[in-house]
All heavy atoms as atom14 arrays in JSON, in Angstrom:
{
  "sequence": "LVGGLFNLKGVAKIRDVQKLAVENSRLGIPL",
  "atom14_mask": [
    [1, 1, 1, 1, 1, 1, 1, 1, 0, 0, 0, 0, 0, 0],
    [1, 1, 1, 1, 1, 1, 1, 0, 0, 0, 0, 0, 0, 0],
    [1, 1, 1, 1, 0, 0, 0, 0, 0, 0, 0, 0, 0, 0],
    [1, 1, 1, 1, 0, 0, 0, 0, 0, 0, 0, 0, 0, 0],
    [1, 1, 1, 1, 1, 1, 1, 1, 0, 0, 0, 0, 0, 0],
    [1, 1, 1, 1, 1, 1, 1, 1, 1, 1, 1, 0, 0, 0],
    [1, 1, 1, 1, 1, 1, 1, 1, 0, 0, 0, 0, 0, 0],
    [1, 1, 1, 1, 1, 1, 1, 1, 0, 0, 0, 0, 0, 0],
    [1, 1, 1, 1, 1, 1, 1, 1, 1, 0, 0, 0, 0, 0],
    [1, 1, 1, 1, 0, 0, 0, 0, 0, 0, 0, 0, 0, 0],
    [1, 1, 1, 1, 1, 1, 1, 0, 0, 0, 0, 0, 0, 0],
    [1, 1, 1, 1, 1, 0, 0, 0, 0, 0, 0, 0, 0, 0],
    [1, 1, 1, 1, 1, 1, 1, 1, 1, 0, 0, 0, 0, 0],
    [1, 1, 1, 1, 1, 1, 1, 1, 0, 0, 0, 0, 0, 0],
    [1, 1, 1, 1, 1, 1, 1, 1, 1, 1, 1, 0, 0, 0],
    [1, 1, 1, 1, 1, 1, 1, 1, 0, 0, 0, 0, 0, 0],
    [1, 1, 1, 1, 1, 1, 1, 0, 0, 0, 0, 0, 0, 0],
    [1, 1, 1, 1, 1, 1, 1, 1, 1, 0, 0, 0, 0, 0],
    [1, 1, 1, 1, 1, 1, 1, 1, 1, 0, 0, 0, 0, 0],
    [1, 1, 1, 1, 1, 1, 1, 1, 0, 0, 0, 0, 0, 0],
    [1, 1, 1, 1, 1, 0, 0, 0, 0, 0, 0, 0, 0, 0],
    [1, 1, 1, 1, 1, 1, 1, 0, 0, 0, 0, 0, 0, 0],
    [1, 1, 1, 1, 1, 1, 1, 1, 1, 0, 0, 0, 0, 0],
    [1, 1, 1, 1, 1, 1, 1, 1, 0, 0, 0, 0, 0, 0],
    [1, 1, 1, 1, 1, 1, 0, 0, 0, 0, 0, 0, 0, 0],
    [1, 1, 1, 1, 1, 1, 1, 1, 1, 1, 1, 0, 0, 0],
    [1, 1, 1, 1, 1, 1, 1, 1, 0, 0, 0, 0, 0, 0],
    [1, 1, 1, 1, 0, 0, 0, 0, 0, 0, 0, 0, 0, 0],
    [1, 1, 1, 1, 1, 1, 1, 1, 0, 0, 0, 0, 0, 0],
    [1, 1, 1, 1, 1, 1, 1, 0, 0, 0, 0, 0, 0, 0],
    [1, 1, 1, 1, 1, 1, 1, 1, 0, 0, 0, 0, 0, 0]
  ],
  "atom14_positions": [
    [[0.76, -1.21, 0.0], [0.02, -0.01, -0.01], [0.83, 1.3, -0.01], [0.32, 2.38, 0.3], [-0.96, -0.02, 1.25], [-1.92, -1.22, 1.32], [-2.83, -1.04, 2.55], [-2.72, -1.39, 0.04], [0.0, 0.0, 0.0], [0.0, 0.0, 0.0], [0.0, 0.0, 0.0], [0.0, 0.0, 0.0], [0.0, 0.0, 0.0], [0.0, 0.0, 0.0]],
    [[2.1, 1.16, -0.29], [3.01, 2.32, -0.33], [3.84, 2.26, -1.7], [4.38, 1.2, -2.02], [3.93, 2.32, 0.86], [4.93, 3.48, 0.78], [3.15, 2.46, 2.1], [0.0, 0.0, 0.0], [0.0, 0.0, 0.0], [0.0, 0.0, 0.0], [0.0, 0.0, 0.0], [0.0, 0.0, 0.0], [0.0, 0.0, 0.0], [0.0, 0.0, 0.0]],
    [[3.97, 3.36, -2.39], [4.75, 3.36, -3.56], [6.15, 3.89, -3.35], [7.03, 3.54, -4.1], [0.0, 0.0, 0.0], [0.0, 0.0, 0.0], [0.0, 0.0, 0.0], [0.0, 0.0, 0.0], [0.0, 0.0, 0.0], [0.0, 0.0, 0.0], [0.0, 0.0, 0.0], [0.0, 0.0, 0.0], [0.0, 0.0, 0.0], [0.0, 0.0, 0.0]],
    [[6.36, 4.71, -2.35], [7.7, 5.23, -2.08], [7.63, 5.9, -0.76], [6.62, 6.1, -0.05], [0.0, 0.0, 0.0], [0.0, 0.0, 0.0], [0.0, 0.0, 0.0], [0.0, 0.0, 0.0], [0.0, 0.0, 0.0], [0.0, 0.0, 0.0], [0.0, 0.0, 0.0], [0.0, 0.0, 0.0], [0.0, 0.0, 0.0], [0.0, 0.0, 0.0]],
    [[8.83, 6.33, -0.27], [8.98, 7.03, 1.01], [9.96, 8.2, 0.79], [10.81, 8.1, -0.13], [9.58, 6.1, 2.12], [8.79, 4.92, 2.57], [9.57, 4.08, 3.5], [7.48, 5.37, 3.19], [0.0, 0.0, 0.0], [0.0, 0.0, 0.0], [0.0, 0.0, 0.0], [0.0, 0.0, 0.0], [0.0, 0.0, 0.0], [0.0, 0.0, 0.0]],
    [[9.82, 9.2, 1.6], [10.82, 10.25, 1.53], [11.23, 10.73, 2.91], [10.54, 10.53, 3.89], [10.35, 11.41, 0.66], [9.35, 12.35, 1.32], [9.76, 13.6, 1.8], [8.05, 11.99, 1.3], [8.82, 14.47, 2.33], [7.07, 12.86, 1.84], [7.44, 14.06, 2.31], [0.0, 0.0, 0.0], [0.0, 0.0, 0.0], [0.0, 0.0, 0.0]],
    [[12.43, 11.3, 2.93], [13.09, 11.76, 4.17], [13.59, 10.63, 5.06], [13.79, 10.88, 6.27], [12.2, 12.75, 4.88], [12.21, 14.14, 4.28], [12.83, 14.33, 3.28], [11.46, 15.01, 4.88], [0.0, 0.0, 0.0], [0.0, 0.0, 0.0], [0.0, 0.0, 0.0], [0.0, 0.0, 0.0], [0.0, 0.0, 0.0], [0.0, 0.0, 0.0]],
    [[13.76, 9.47, 4.56], [14.45, 8.39, 5.3], [15.94, 8.48, 4.84], [16.25, 8.34, 3.7], [13.87, 7.07, 5.01], [14.52, 5.84, 5.75], [14.42, 6.04, 7.24], [13.9, 4.58, 5.23], [0.0, 0.0, 0.0], [0.0, 0.0, 0.0], [0.0, 0.0, 0.0], [0.0, 0.0, 0.0], [0.0, 0.0, 0.0], [0.0, 0.0, 0.0]],
    [[16.8, 8.66, 5.78], [18.21, 8.9, 5.43], [19.1, 7.79, 5.99], [18.92, 7.36, 7.16], [18.69, 10.2, 6.0], [20.12, 10.63, 5.56], [20.44, 12.03, 5.91], [21.85, 12.43, 5.42], [22.2, 13.79, 5.71], [0.0, 0.0, 0.0], [0.0, 0.0, 0.0], [0.0, 0.0, 0.0], [0.0, 0.0, 0.0], [0.0, 0.0, 0.0]],
    [[20.0, 7.27, 5.21], [20.96, 6.25, 5.61], [20.76, 5.0, 4.83], [19.62, 4.41, 4.79], [0.0, 0.0, 0.0], [0.0, 0.0, 0.0], [0.0, 0.0, 0.0], [0.0, 0.0, 0.0], [0.0, 0.0, 0.0], [0.0, 0.0, 0.0], [0.0, 0.0, 0.0], [0.0, 0.0, 0.0], [0.0, 0.0, 0.0], [0.0, 0.0, 0.0]],
    [[21.78, 4.56, 4.12], [21.65, 3.38, 3.23], [21.24, 2.12, 3.99], [20.45, 1.3, 3.42], [22.94, 3.21, 2.44], [24.1, 2.81, 3.33], [22.75, 2.18, 1.33], [0.0, 0.0, 0.0], [0.0, 0.0, 0.0], [0.0, 0.0, 0.0], [0.0, 0.0, 0.0], [0.0, 0.0, 0.0], [0.0, 0.0, 0.0], [0.0, 0.0, 0.0]],
    [[21.71, 1.91, 5.15], [21.35, 0.7, 5.86], [19.88, 0.68, 6.23], [19.14, -0.35, 6.15], [22.18, 0.52, 7.18], [0.0, 0.0, 0.0], [0.0, 0.0, 0.0], [0.0, 0.0, 0.0], [0.0, 0.0, 0.0], [0.0, 0.0, 0.0], [0.0, 0.0, 0.0], [0.0, 0.0, 0.0], [0.0, 0.0, 0.0], [0.0, 0.0, 0.0]],
    [[19.35, 1.84, 6.66], [17.88, 1.92, 7.0], [17.05, 1.73, 5.73], [16.01, 1.06, 5.78], [17.61, 3.29, 7.61], [18.38, 3.54, 8.87], [18.18, 5.02, 9.3], [19.01, 5.43, 10.52], [18.84, 6.8, 10.9], [0.0, 0.0, 0.0], [0.0, 0.0, 0.0], [0.0, 0.0, 0.0], [0.0, 0.0, 0.0], [0.0, 0.0, 0.0]],
    [[17.5, 2.32, 4.63], [16.72, 2.24, 3.37], [16.76, 0.77, 2.88], [15.73, 0.25, 2.44], [17.32, 3.18, 2.34], [16.92, 4.62, 2.68], [16.87, 2.84, 0.93], [17.51, 5.7, 1.81], [0.0, 0.0, 0.0], [0.0, 0.0, 0.0], [0.0, 0.0, 0.0], [0.0, 0.0, 0.0], [0.0, 0.0, 0.0], [0.0, 0.0, 0.0]],
    [[17.86, 0.13, 3.08], [17.96, -1.3, 2.61], [16.95, -2.13, 3.44], [16.27, -2.98, 2.88], [19.4, -1.84, 2.81], [19.54, -3.23, 2.22], [20.95, -3.74, 2.36], [21.1, -5.08, 1.84], [21.47, -5.38, 0.62], [21.66, -4.36, -0.25], [21.48, -6.63, 0.18], [0.0, 0.0, 0.0], [0.0, 0.0, 0.0], [0.0, 0.0, 0.0]],
    [[16.9, -1.88, 4.7], [15.95, -2.62, 5.59], [14.52, -2.46, 5.11], [13.76, -3.44, 5.06], [16.11, -2.11, 7.04], [17.22, -2.76, 7.79], [17.87, -3.65, 7.26], [17.45, -2.31, 8.91], [0.0, 0.0, 0.0], [0.0, 0.0, 0.0], [0.0, 0.0, 0.0], [0.0, 0.0, 0.0], [0.0, 0.0, 0.0], [0.0, 0.0, 0.0]],
    [[14.13, -1.18, 4.8], [12.82, -0.94, 4.42], [12.51, -1.51, 2.96], [11.45, -2.03, 2.67], [12.51, 0.6, 4.4], [11.1, 0.91, 3.92], [12.65, 1.08, 5.86], [0.0, 0.0, 0.0], [0.0, 0.0, 0.0], [0.0, 0.0, 0.0], [0.0, 0.0, 0.0], [0.0, 0.0, 0.0], [0.0, 0.0, 0.0], [0.0, 0.0, 0.0]],
    [[13.47, -1.41, 2.15], [13.32, -1.93, 0.75], [13.12, -3.45, 0.85], [12.31, -4.06, 0.06], [14.54, -1.65, -0.12], [14.41, -2.02, -1.61], [13.47, -1.07, -2.33], [12.25, -1.16, -2.14], [13.99, -0.29, -3.26], [0.0, 0.0, 0.0], [0.0, 0.0, 0.0], [0.0, 0.0, 0.0], [0.0, 0.0, 0.0], [0.0, 0.0, 0.0]],
    [[13.84, -4.08, 1.77], [13.67, -5.56, 1.94], [12.27, -5.89, 2.32], [11.74, -6.92, 1.88], [14.67, -5.98, 3.01], [14.78, -7.5, 3.16], [15.87, -7.91, 4.12], [15.95, -9.45, 4.23], [17.0, -9.81, 5.15], [0.0, 0.0, 0.0], [0.0, 0.0, 0.0], [0.0, 0.0, 0.0], [0.0, 0.0, 0.0], [0.0, 0.0, 0.0]],
    [[11.6, -5.08, 3.18], [10.2, -5.31, 3.53], [9.32, -5.34, 2.26], [8.45, -6.21, 2.12], [9.7, -4.25, 4.46], [10.14, -4.21, 5.92], [9.54, -3.07, 6.65], [9.69, -5.54, 6.57], [0.0, 0.0, 0.0], [0.0, 0.0, 0.0], [0.0, 0.0, 0.0], [0.0, 0.0, 0.0], [0.0, 0.0, 0.0], [0.0, 0.0, 0.0]],
    [[9.51, -4.39, 1.44], [8.67, -4.26, 0.23], [8.96, -5.43, -0.77], [8.02, -6.02, -1.29], [8.95, -2.94, -0.5], [0.0, 0.0, 0.0], [0.0, 0.0, 0.0], [0.0, 0.0, 0.0], [0.0, 0.0, 0.0], [0.0, 0.0, 0.0], [0.0, 0.0, 0.0], [0.0, 0.0, 0.0], [0.0, 0.0, 0.0], [0.0, 0.0, 0.0]],
    [[10.23, -5.75, -0.97], [10.64, -6.74, -1.96], [10.34, -8.18, -1.49], [9.92, -9.03, -2.27], [12.06, -6.58, -2.36], [12.59, -7.64, -3.28], [12.26, -5.19, -3.06], [0.0, 0.0, 0.0], [0.0, 0.0, 0.0], [0.0, 0.0, 0.0], [0.0, 0.0, 0.0], [0.0, 0.0, 0.0], [0.0, 0.0, 0.0], [0.0, 0.0, 0.0]],
    [[10.59, -8.45, -0.23], [10.51, -9.82, 0.22], [9.25, -10.13, 1.06], [8.92, -11.3, 1.22], [11.78, -10.1, 1.09], [13.0, -9.93, 0.32], [14.29, -10.29, 1.11], [14.18, -11.01, 2.17], [15.45, -9.99, 0.65], [0.0, 0.0, 0.0], [0.0, 0.0, 0.0], [0.0, 0.0, 0.0], [0.0, 0.0, 0.0], [0.0, 0.0, 0.0]],
    [[8.57, -9.13, 1.54], [7.42, -9.39, 2.41], [6.08, -9.01, 1.8], [5.03, -9.42, 2.28], [7.56, -8.62, 3.74], [8.66, -9.23, 4.63], [9.54, -9.85, 4.11], [8.6, -8.98, 5.9], [0.0, 0.0, 0.0], [0.0, 0.0, 0.0], [0.0, 0.0, 0.0], [0.0, 0.0, 0.0], [0.0, 0.0, 0.0], [0.0, 0.0, 0.0]],
    [[6.06, -8.27, 0.7], [4.78, -7.88, 0.1], [4.39, -8.96, -0.93], [5.26, -9.69, -1.43], [4.85, -6.52, -0.5], [5.65, -6.48, -1.7], [0.0, 0.0, 0.0], [0.0, 0.0, 0.0], [0.0, 0.0, 0.0], [0.0, 0.0, 0.0], [0.0, 0.0, 0.0], [0.0, 0.0, 0.0], [0.0, 0.0, 0.0], [0.0, 0.0, 0.0]],
    [[3.12, -8.99, -1.36], [2.63, -10.04, -2.2], [3.32, -10.0, -3.59], [3.72, -11.04, -4.1], [1.13, -9.86, -2.42], [0.45, -10.99, -3.2], [-1.05, -10.8, -3.29], [-1.44, -9.78, -4.24], [-1.66, -10.03, -5.53], [-1.5, -11.23, -6.04], [-2.04, -9.05, -6.4], [0.0, 0.0, 0.0], [0.0, 0.0, 0.0], [0.0, 0.0, 0.0]],
    [[3.52, -8.83, -4.19], [4.13, -8.71, -5.53], [5.59, -8.29, -5.52], [6.2, -8.35, -6.56], [3.27, -7.74, -6.35], [1.86, -8.13, -6.68], [1.08, -7.05, -7.37], [1.81, -9.43, -7.47], [0.0, 0.0, 0.0], [0.0, 0.0, 0.0], [0.0, 0.0, 0.0], [0.0, 0.0, 0.0], [0.0, 0.0, 0.0], [0.0, 0.0, 0.0]],
    [[6.09, -7.92, -4.39], [7.51, -7.65, -4.32], [7.91, -6.38, -5.06], [9.06, -6.29, -5.6], [0.0, 0.0, 0.0], [0.0, 0.0, 0.0], [0.0, 0.0, 0.0], [0.0, 0.0, 0.0], [0.0, 0.0, 0.0], [0.0, 0.0, 0.0], [0.0, 0.0, 0.0], [0.0, 0.0, 0.0], [0.0, 0.0, 0.0], [0.0, 0.0, 0.0]],
    [[7.03, -5.4, -5.15], [7.35, -4.23, -5.95], [8.25, -3.3, -5.16], [7.9, -2.94, -3.98], [6.02, -3.45, -6.29], [5.14, -4.33, -7.19], [6.36, -2.15, -7.03], [3.75, -3.73, -7.44], [0.0, 0.0, 0.0], [0.0, 0.0, 0.0], [0.0, 0.0, 0.0], [0.0, 0.0, 0.0], [0.0, 0.0, 0.0], [0.0, 0.0, 0.0]],
    [[9.37, -2.92, -5.64], [10.33, -2.05, -4.85], [9.8, -0.64, -4.64], [8.88, -0.19, -5.37], [11.59, -2.03, -5.75], [11.11, -2.3, -7.12], [9.92, -3.2, -6.99], [0.0, 0.0, 0.0], [0.0, 0.0, 0.0], [0.0, 0.0, 0.0], [0.0, 0.0, 0.0], [0.0, 0.0, 0.0], [0.0, 0.0, 0.0], [0.0, 0.0, 0.0]],
    [[10.33, 0.03, -3.68], [9.95, 1.39, -3.32], [10.9, 2.4, -3.95], [12.04, 2.13, -4.17], [9.98, 1.55, -1.81], [9.07, 0.7, -0.98], [9.39, 0.92, 0.55], [7.59, 1.05, -1.23], [0.0, 0.0, 0.0], [0.0, 0.0, 0.0], [0.0, 0.0, 0.0], [0.0, 0.0, 0.0], [0.0, 0.0, 0.0], [0.0, 0.0, 0.0]]
  ]
}
């Protein structure tokens, strides 16, 4: 239910959140 995020800073944090979208959502659509 989210297409993207903004104002999240830090590559490690962004990787964690991208992993949620890619590995935990039904279609695995990246943010």
